[in-house]
Amino acid sequence: MPALSKLYFKTAIIFLVIGVGIGIHMSISENRSVMGAHAHINLLGWVTMALFGTYFVFDPAKAQTRLARVQYGIYTVGVIVMMPSLYFMLNGNEALEPLVAVSSLVVFAGVALFAYLVFSGEGQAAQ
């Protein structure tokens, strides 16, 4: 398994633990105001990162490219910034809305780079 896939899976597990923790907190407190953050952590953090890691298992040549590592960094930073800012914004701190917006664009850039990697021939071995 490529090192990048392992990194994606390890990062995804961290987001899963955080997402489940927030879900438990919402259930205990009966305050569901942060449900959007909970869903984003689970989908962008856990599910999407695990799928990115899985893709690179099936295309290990692309996992070795510099662009794939850059894509991991951009996407991960975007998610790491977006999640707490979205959580606190949904909890009433509306001043964080610009940070949520900017970090959402960073996440989008990471997704766009991943799409480029999937559709490009970069890193593919000669057939």
N, C-alpha and C. Protein backbone atom coordinates (compact mmCIF):
# COMPACT_ATOMS: atom_id res chain seq x y z
N MET A 1 0.86 -1.18 0.00
CA MET A 1 0.00 0.00 0.00
C MET A 1 0.90 1.23 0.00
N PRO A 2 0.60 2.21 -0.87
CA PRO A 2 1.40 3.43 -0.91
C PRO A 2 1.34 4.19 0.43
N ALA A 3 2.44 4.85 0.74
CA ALA A 3 2.51 5.64 1.98
C ALA A 3 1.41 6.70 2.01
N LEU A 4 1.10 7.29 0.86
CA LEU A 4 0.05 8.31 0.82
C LEU A 4 -1.31 7.72 1.20
N SER A 5 -1.59 6.50 0.76
CA SER A 5 -2.84 5.85 1.14
C SER A 5 -2.91 5.64 2.64
N LYS A 6 -1.81 5.17 3.22
CA LYS A 6 -1.77 4.98 4.67
C LYS A 6 -2.00 6.30 5.40
N LEU A 7 -1.39 7.36 4.89
CA LEU A 7 -1.57 8.68 5.51
C LEU A 7 -3.02 9.12 5.43
N TYR A 8 -3.64 8.91 4.27
CA TYR A 8 -5.06 9.26 4.13
C TYR A 8 -5.91 8.46 5.11
N PHE A 9 -5.66 7.16 5.24
CA PHE A 9 -6.46 6.34 6.15
C PHE A 9 -6.26 6.76 7.60
N LYS A 10 -5.03 7.06 7.99
CA LYS A 10 -4.78 7.49 9.37
C LYS A 10 -5.46 8.82 9.65
N THR A 11 -5.40 9.73 8.70
CA THR A 11 -6.06 11.03 8.87
C THR A 11 -7.58 10.84 8.93
N ALA A 12 -8.11 9.97 8.08
CA ALA A 12 -9.55 9.70 8.07
C ALA A 12 -10.02 9.16 9.41
N ILE A 13 -9.25 8.27 10.01
CA ILE A 13 -9.63 7.71 11.31
C ILE A 13 -9.69 8.79 12.38
N ILE A 14 -8.75 9.73 12.34
CA ILE A 14 -8.79 10.84 13.31
C ILE A 14 -10.09 11.61 13.16
N PHE A 15 -10.48 11.91 11.92
CA PHE A 15 -11.74 12.63 11.70
C PHE A 15 -12.95 11.78 12.11
N LEU A 16 -12.88 10.47 11.92
CA LEU A 16 -13.98 9.61 12.36
C LEU A 16 -14.16 9.69 13.88
N VAL A 17 -13.06 9.63 14.60
CA VAL A 17 -13.13 9.72 16.07
C VAL A 17 -13.73 11.06 16.49
N ILE A 18 -13.29 12.15 15.84
CA ILE A 18 -13.83 13.48 16.16
C ILE A 18 -15.32 13.54 15.82
N GLY A 19 -15.68 13.04 14.63
CA GLY A 19 -17.08 13.08 14.21
C GLY A 19 -17.99 12.28 15.13
N VAL A 20 -17.55 11.09 15.52
CA VAL A 20 -18.34 10.28 16.45
C VAL A 20 -18.43 10.98 17.81
N GLY A 21 -17.34 11.57 18.24
CA GLY A 21 -17.36 12.31 19.52
C GLY A 21 -18.36 13.44 19.50
N ILE A 22 -18.40 14.18 18.42
CA ILE A 22 -19.37 15.28 18.31
C ILE A 22 -20.79 14.72 18.27
N GLY A 23 -20.98 13.61 17.58
CA GLY A 23 -22.30 12.98 17.54
C GLY A 23 -22.77 12.55 18.92
N ILE A 24 -21.87 11.97 19.70
CA ILE A 24 -22.21 11.57 21.07
C ILE A 24 -22.52 12.80 21.91
N HIS A 25 -21.71 13.85 21.75
CA HIS A 25 -21.96 15.09 22.52
C HIS A 25 -23.32 15.68 22.16
N MET A 26 -23.67 15.68 20.86
CA MET A 26 -24.98 16.20 20.46
C MET A 26 -26.10 15.38 21.08
N SER A 27 -25.94 14.09 21.12
CA SER A 27 -26.96 13.21 21.66
C SER A 27 -27.14 13.43 23.16
N ILE A 28 -26.03 13.50 23.88
CA ILE A 28 -26.10 13.68 25.33
C ILE A 28 -26.68 15.04 25.69
N SER A 29 -26.22 16.08 24.98
CA SER A 29 -26.66 17.45 25.30
C SER A 29 -28.02 17.78 24.70
N GLU A 30 -28.49 16.95 23.78
CA GLU A 30 -29.73 17.19 23.04
C GLU A 30 -29.70 18.53 22.31
N ASN A 31 -28.50 18.97 21.96
CA ASN A 31 -28.29 20.20 21.19
C ASN A 31 -27.76 19.79 19.82
N ARG A 32 -28.59 19.91 18.82
CA ARG A 32 -28.20 19.49 17.49
C ARG A 32 -27.86 20.65 16.57
N SER A 33 -27.50 21.78 17.14
CA SER A 33 -27.20 22.96 16.34
C SER A 33 -25.94 22.79 15.48
N VAL A 34 -25.08 21.87 15.85
CA VAL A 34 -23.83 21.66 15.09
C VAL A 34 -23.91 20.43 14.18
N MET A 35 -25.12 20.00 13.85
CA MET A 35 -25.29 18.82 13.02
C MET A 35 -24.57 18.97 11.68
N GLY A 36 -24.58 20.18 11.13
CA GLY A 36 -23.89 20.42 9.86
C GLY A 36 -22.39 20.16 9.97
N ALA A 37 -21.79 20.59 11.07
CA ALA A 37 -20.35 20.35 11.28
C ALA A 37 -20.10 18.85 11.46
N HIS A 38 -20.96 18.20 12.22
CA HIS A 38 -20.85 16.76 12.44
C HIS A 38 -20.88 16.02 11.09
N ALA A 39 -21.81 16.39 10.24
CA ALA A 39 -21.94 15.74 8.93
C ALA A 39 -20.72 16.02 8.06
N HIS A 40 -20.24 17.26 8.07
CA HIS A 40 -19.07 17.61 7.26
C HIS A 40 -17.82 16.88 7.73
N ILE A 41 -17.64 16.77 9.04
CA ILE A 41 -16.48 16.04 9.56
C ILE A 41 -16.52 14.59 9.11
N ASN A 42 -17.69 13.98 9.19
CA ASN A 42 -17.80 12.58 8.80
C ASN A 42 -17.67 12.39 7.29
N LEU A 43 -18.24 13.28 6.51
CA LEU A 43 -18.20 13.09 5.06
C LEU A 43 -16.90 13.57 4.43
N LEU A 44 -16.47 14.79 4.76
CA LEU A 44 -15.23 15.30 4.17
C LEU A 44 -14.00 14.72 4.84
N GLY A 45 -14.08 14.50 6.15
CA GLY A 45 -12.94 13.98 6.88
C GLY A 45 -12.81 12.48 6.78
N TRP A 46 -13.81 11.77 7.22
CA TRP A 46 -13.74 10.31 7.27
C TRP A 46 -13.96 9.68 5.89
N VAL A 47 -15.10 9.87 5.29
CA VAL A 47 -15.47 9.15 4.07
C VAL A 47 -14.61 9.56 2.88
N THR A 48 -14.53 10.86 2.61
CA THR A 48 -13.81 11.32 1.43
C THR A 48 -12.32 10.98 1.52
N MET A 49 -11.73 11.19 2.70
CA MET A 49 -10.31 10.88 2.82
C MET A 49 -10.05 9.37 2.67
N ALA A 50 -10.94 8.56 3.19
CA ALA A 50 -10.78 7.11 3.02
C ALA A 50 -10.91 6.73 1.55
N LEU A 51 -11.81 7.39 0.83
CA LEU A 51 -11.95 7.11 -0.61
C LEU A 51 -10.73 7.59 -1.38
N PHE A 52 -10.18 8.75 -1.02
CA PHE A 52 -8.94 9.20 -1.67
C PHE A 52 -7.84 8.16 -1.45
N GLY A 53 -7.71 7.70 -0.22
CA GLY A 53 -6.70 6.69 0.09
C GLY A 53 -6.91 5.41 -0.69
N THR A 54 -8.15 5.01 -0.84
CA THR A 54 -8.48 3.80 -1.60
C THR A 54 -8.11 3.97 -3.07
N TYR A 55 -8.40 5.14 -3.63
CA TYR A 55 -8.05 5.38 -5.03
C TYR A 55 -6.55 5.16 -5.25
N PHE A 56 -5.75 5.72 -4.34
CA PHE A 56 -4.30 5.63 -4.53
C PHE A 56 -3.77 4.20 -4.32
N VAL A 57 -4.52 3.36 -3.62
CA VAL A 57 -4.15 1.94 -3.55
C VAL A 57 -4.25 1.32 -4.94
N PHE A 58 -5.29 1.71 -5.68
CA PHE A 58 -5.51 1.15 -7.01
C PHE A 58 -4.69 1.84 -8.10
N ASP A 59 -4.12 3.00 -7.80
CA ASP A 59 -3.25 3.70 -8.76
C ASP A 59 -2.01 4.18 -8.02
N PRO A 60 -1.17 3.23 -7.57
CA PRO A 60 -0.02 3.58 -6.74
C PRO A 60 1.01 4.47 -7.42
N ALA A 61 1.08 4.43 -8.75
CA ALA A 61 2.02 5.30 -9.45
C ALA A 61 1.67 6.77 -9.22
N LYS A 62 0.38 7.08 -9.24
CA LYS A 62 -0.04 8.46 -8.99
C LYS A 62 0.20 8.86 -7.54
N ALA A 63 0.11 7.91 -6.63
CA ALA A 63 0.35 8.20 -5.21
C ALA A 63 1.79 8.65 -4.97
N GLN A 64 2.70 8.31 -5.87
CA GLN A 64 4.11 8.65 -5.73
C GLN A 64 4.43 10.05 -6.25
N THR A 65 3.47 10.70 -6.89
CA THR A 65 3.76 12.00 -7.50
C THR A 65 3.74 13.12 -6.47
N ARG A 66 4.48 14.15 -6.79
CA ARG A 66 4.50 15.35 -5.94
C ARG A 66 3.11 15.99 -5.89
N LEU A 67 2.42 16.00 -7.02
CA LEU A 67 1.08 16.61 -7.06
C LEU A 67 0.12 15.90 -6.10
N ALA A 68 0.22 14.59 -5.99
CA ALA A 68 -0.65 13.85 -5.07
C ALA A 68 -0.37 14.25 -3.62
N ARG A 69 0.88 14.45 -3.28
CA ARG A 69 1.22 14.88 -1.91
C ARG A 69 0.75 16.32 -1.67
N VAL A 70 0.89 17.17 -2.67
CA VAL A 70 0.40 18.56 -2.56
C VAL A 70 -1.11 18.55 -2.38
N GLN A 71 -1.79 17.71 -3.15
CA GLN A 71 -3.25 17.61 -3.05
C GLN A 71 -3.66 17.18 -1.65
N TYR A 72 -2.96 16.19 -1.08
CA TYR A 72 -3.25 15.77 0.29
C TYR A 72 -3.12 16.95 1.25
N GLY A 73 -2.04 17.70 1.12
CA GLY A 73 -1.80 18.82 2.02
C GLY A 73 -2.86 19.90 1.92
N ILE A 74 -3.20 20.27 0.69
CA ILE A 74 -4.21 21.32 0.49
C ILE A 74 -5.56 20.87 1.05
N TYR A 75 -5.99 19.68 0.68
CA TYR A 75 -7.29 19.19 1.13
C TYR A 75 -7.33 19.08 2.65
N THR A 76 -6.28 18.51 3.23
CA THR A 76 -6.26 18.29 4.68
C THR A 76 -6.27 19.60 5.44
N VAL A 77 -5.47 20.56 5.01
CA VAL A 77 -5.47 21.87 5.68
C VAL A 77 -6.85 22.51 5.59
N GLY A 78 -7.47 22.42 4.42
CA GLY A 78 -8.81 22.99 4.26
C GLY A 78 -9.81 22.37 5.22
N VAL A 79 -9.78 21.05 5.34
CA VAL A 79 -10.72 20.36 6.24
C VAL A 79 -10.40 20.69 7.70
N ILE A 80 -9.12 20.71 8.05
CA ILE A 80 -8.73 21.00 9.43
C ILE A 80 -9.16 22.41 9.85
N VAL A 81 -9.09 23.36 8.95
CA VAL A 81 -9.52 24.73 9.28
C VAL A 81 -11.04 24.85 9.24
N MET A 82 -11.67 24.22 8.25
CA MET A 82 -13.11 24.35 8.11
C MET A 82 -13.90 23.72 9.25
N MET A 83 -13.48 22.57 9.72
CA MET A 83 -14.28 21.85 10.71
C MET A 83 -14.49 22.62 12.02
N PRO A 84 -13.44 23.06 12.70
CA PRO A 84 -13.71 23.80 13.95
C PRO A 84 -14.37 25.15 13.70
N SER A 85 -14.01 25.82 12.60
CA SER A 85 -14.64 27.11 12.34
C SER A 85 -16.12 26.94 12.04
N LEU A 86 -16.49 25.89 11.31
CA LEU A 86 -17.90 25.61 11.05
C LEU A 86 -18.62 25.23 12.34
N TYR A 87 -17.97 24.41 13.16
CA TYR A 87 -18.56 24.00 14.44
C TYR A 87 -18.89 25.21 15.30
N PHE A 88 -17.91 26.10 15.46
CA PHE A 88 -18.14 27.27 16.32
C PHE A 88 -19.07 28.29 15.67
N MET A 89 -19.07 28.38 14.35
CA MET A 89 -20.01 29.27 13.68
C MET A 89 -21.44 28.79 13.91
N LEU A 90 -21.66 27.48 13.77
CA LEU A 90 -23.00 26.93 13.99
C LEU A 90 -23.43 27.03 15.45
N ASN A 91 -22.44 27.14 16.34
CA ASN A 91 -22.74 27.32 17.76
C ASN A 91 -22.99 28.79 18.10
N GLY A 92 -22.99 29.66 17.10
CA GLY A 92 -23.36 31.05 17.35
C GLY A 92 -22.28 32.08 17.08
N ASN A 93 -21.07 31.69 16.77
CA ASN A 93 -20.01 32.65 16.49
C ASN A 93 -20.00 32.99 15.00
N GLU A 94 -20.87 33.92 14.62
CA GLU A 94 -21.04 34.24 13.20
C GLU A 94 -19.82 34.94 12.60
N ALA A 95 -18.92 35.44 13.43
CA ALA A 95 -17.72 36.10 12.93
C ALA A 95 -16.81 35.12 12.18
N LEU A 96 -17.03 33.83 12.37
CA LEU A 96 -16.19 32.82 11.71
C LEU A 96 -16.66 32.49 10.30
N GLU A 97 -17.75 33.08 9.86
CA GLU A 97 -18.28 32.75 8.54
C GLU A 97 -17.27 32.98 7.41
N PRO A 98 -16.51 34.09 7.41
CA PRO A 98 -15.50 34.24 6.35
C PRO A 98 -14.44 33.14 6.35
N LEU A 99 -14.03 32.69 7.54
CA LEU A 99 -13.06 31.60 7.63
C LEU A 99 -13.64 30.30 7.09
N VAL A 100 -14.91 30.05 7.37
CA VAL A 100 -15.58 28.87 6.83
C VAL A 100 -15.61 28.96 5.30
N ALA A 101 -15.91 30.15 4.79
CA ALA A 101 -15.98 30.32 3.34
C ALA A 101 -14.63 30.10 2.68
N VAL A 102 -13.59 30.70 3.22
CA VAL A 102 -12.25 30.56 2.63
C VAL A 102 -11.77 29.11 2.72
N SER A 103 -11.97 28.49 3.87
CA SER A 103 -11.52 27.10 4.01
C SER A 103 -12.32 26.16 3.11
N SER A 104 -13.57 26.49 2.85
CA SER A 104 -14.38 25.70 1.91
C SER A 104 -13.78 25.78 0.52
N LEU A 105 -13.28 26.94 0.14
CA LEU A 105 -12.63 27.09 -1.17
C LEU A 105 -11.32 26.31 -1.22
N VAL A 106 -10.61 26.25 -0.11
CA VAL A 106 -9.38 25.44 -0.05
C VAL A 106 -9.72 23.96 -0.21
N VAL A 107 -10.78 23.51 0.47
CA VAL A 107 -11.23 22.12 0.32
C VAL A 107 -11.60 21.86 -1.14
N PHE A 108 -12.31 22.80 -1.75
CA PHE A 108 -12.68 22.65 -3.16
C PHE A 108 -11.44 22.53 -4.04
N ALA A 109 -10.42 23.34 -3.76
CA ALA A 109 -9.17 23.25 -4.53
C ALA A 109 -8.55 21.86 -4.40
N GLY A 110 -8.61 21.29 -3.18
CA GLY A 110 -8.11 19.93 -2.99
C GLY A 110 -8.90 18.91 -3.77
N VAL A 111 -10.21 19.09 -3.82
CA VAL A 111 -11.06 18.18 -4.60
C VAL A 111 -10.78 18.33 -6.09
N ALA A 112 -10.61 19.57 -6.55
CA ALA A 112 -10.32 19.80 -7.96
C ALA A 112 -8.97 19.18 -8.35
N LEU A 113 -7.98 19.28 -7.48
CA LEU A 113 -6.69 18.65 -7.75
C LEU A 113 -6.82 17.13 -7.80
N PHE A 114 -7.63 16.59 -6.91
CA PHE A 114 -7.85 15.13 -6.94
C PHE A 114 -8.50 14.73 -8.26
N ALA A 115 -9.49 15.50 -8.69
CA ALA A 115 -10.15 15.21 -9.97
C ALA A 115 -9.13 15.25 -11.11
N TYR A 116 -8.25 16.23 -11.06
CA TYR A 116 -7.21 16.31 -12.08
C TYR A 116 -6.34 15.06 -12.06
N LEU A 117 -5.95 14.63 -10.86
CA LEU A 117 -5.12 13.42 -10.74
C LEU A 117 -5.83 12.20 -11.32
N VAL A 118 -7.11 12.08 -11.03
CA VAL A 118 -7.87 10.92 -11.52
C VAL A 118 -7.93 10.92 -13.05
N PHE A 119 -8.16 12.09 -13.64
CA PHE A 119 -8.35 12.15 -15.09
C PHE A 119 -7.05 12.33 -15.88
N SER A 120 -5.97 12.65 -15.20
CA SER A 120 -4.71 12.87 -15.91
C SER A 120 -3.95 11.57 -16.08
N GLY A 121 -2.98 11.60 -16.95
CA GLY A 121 -2.12 10.45 -17.14
C GLY A 121 -0.89 10.51 -16.26
N GLU A 122 -0.76 11.58 -15.46
CA GLU A 122 0.43 11.75 -14.62
C GLU A 122 0.62 10.57 -13.68
N GLY A 123 1.84 10.04 -13.67
CA GLY A 123 2.17 8.99 -12.75
C GLY A 123 1.84 7.58 -13.23
N GLN A 124 1.08 7.46 -14.31
CA GLN A 124 0.72 6.13 -14.78
C GLN A 124 1.91 5.46 -15.45
N ALA A 125 2.08 4.21 -15.17
CA ALA A 125 3.14 3.43 -15.80
C ALA A 125 2.78 3.17 -17.26
N ALA A 126 3.78 3.05 -18.09
CA ALA A 126 3.53 2.75 -19.50
C ALA A 126 2.88 1.37 -19.63
N GLN A 127 1.89 1.28 -20.50
CA GLN A 127 1.19 0.01 -20.64
C GLN A 127 1.53 -0.68 -21.93
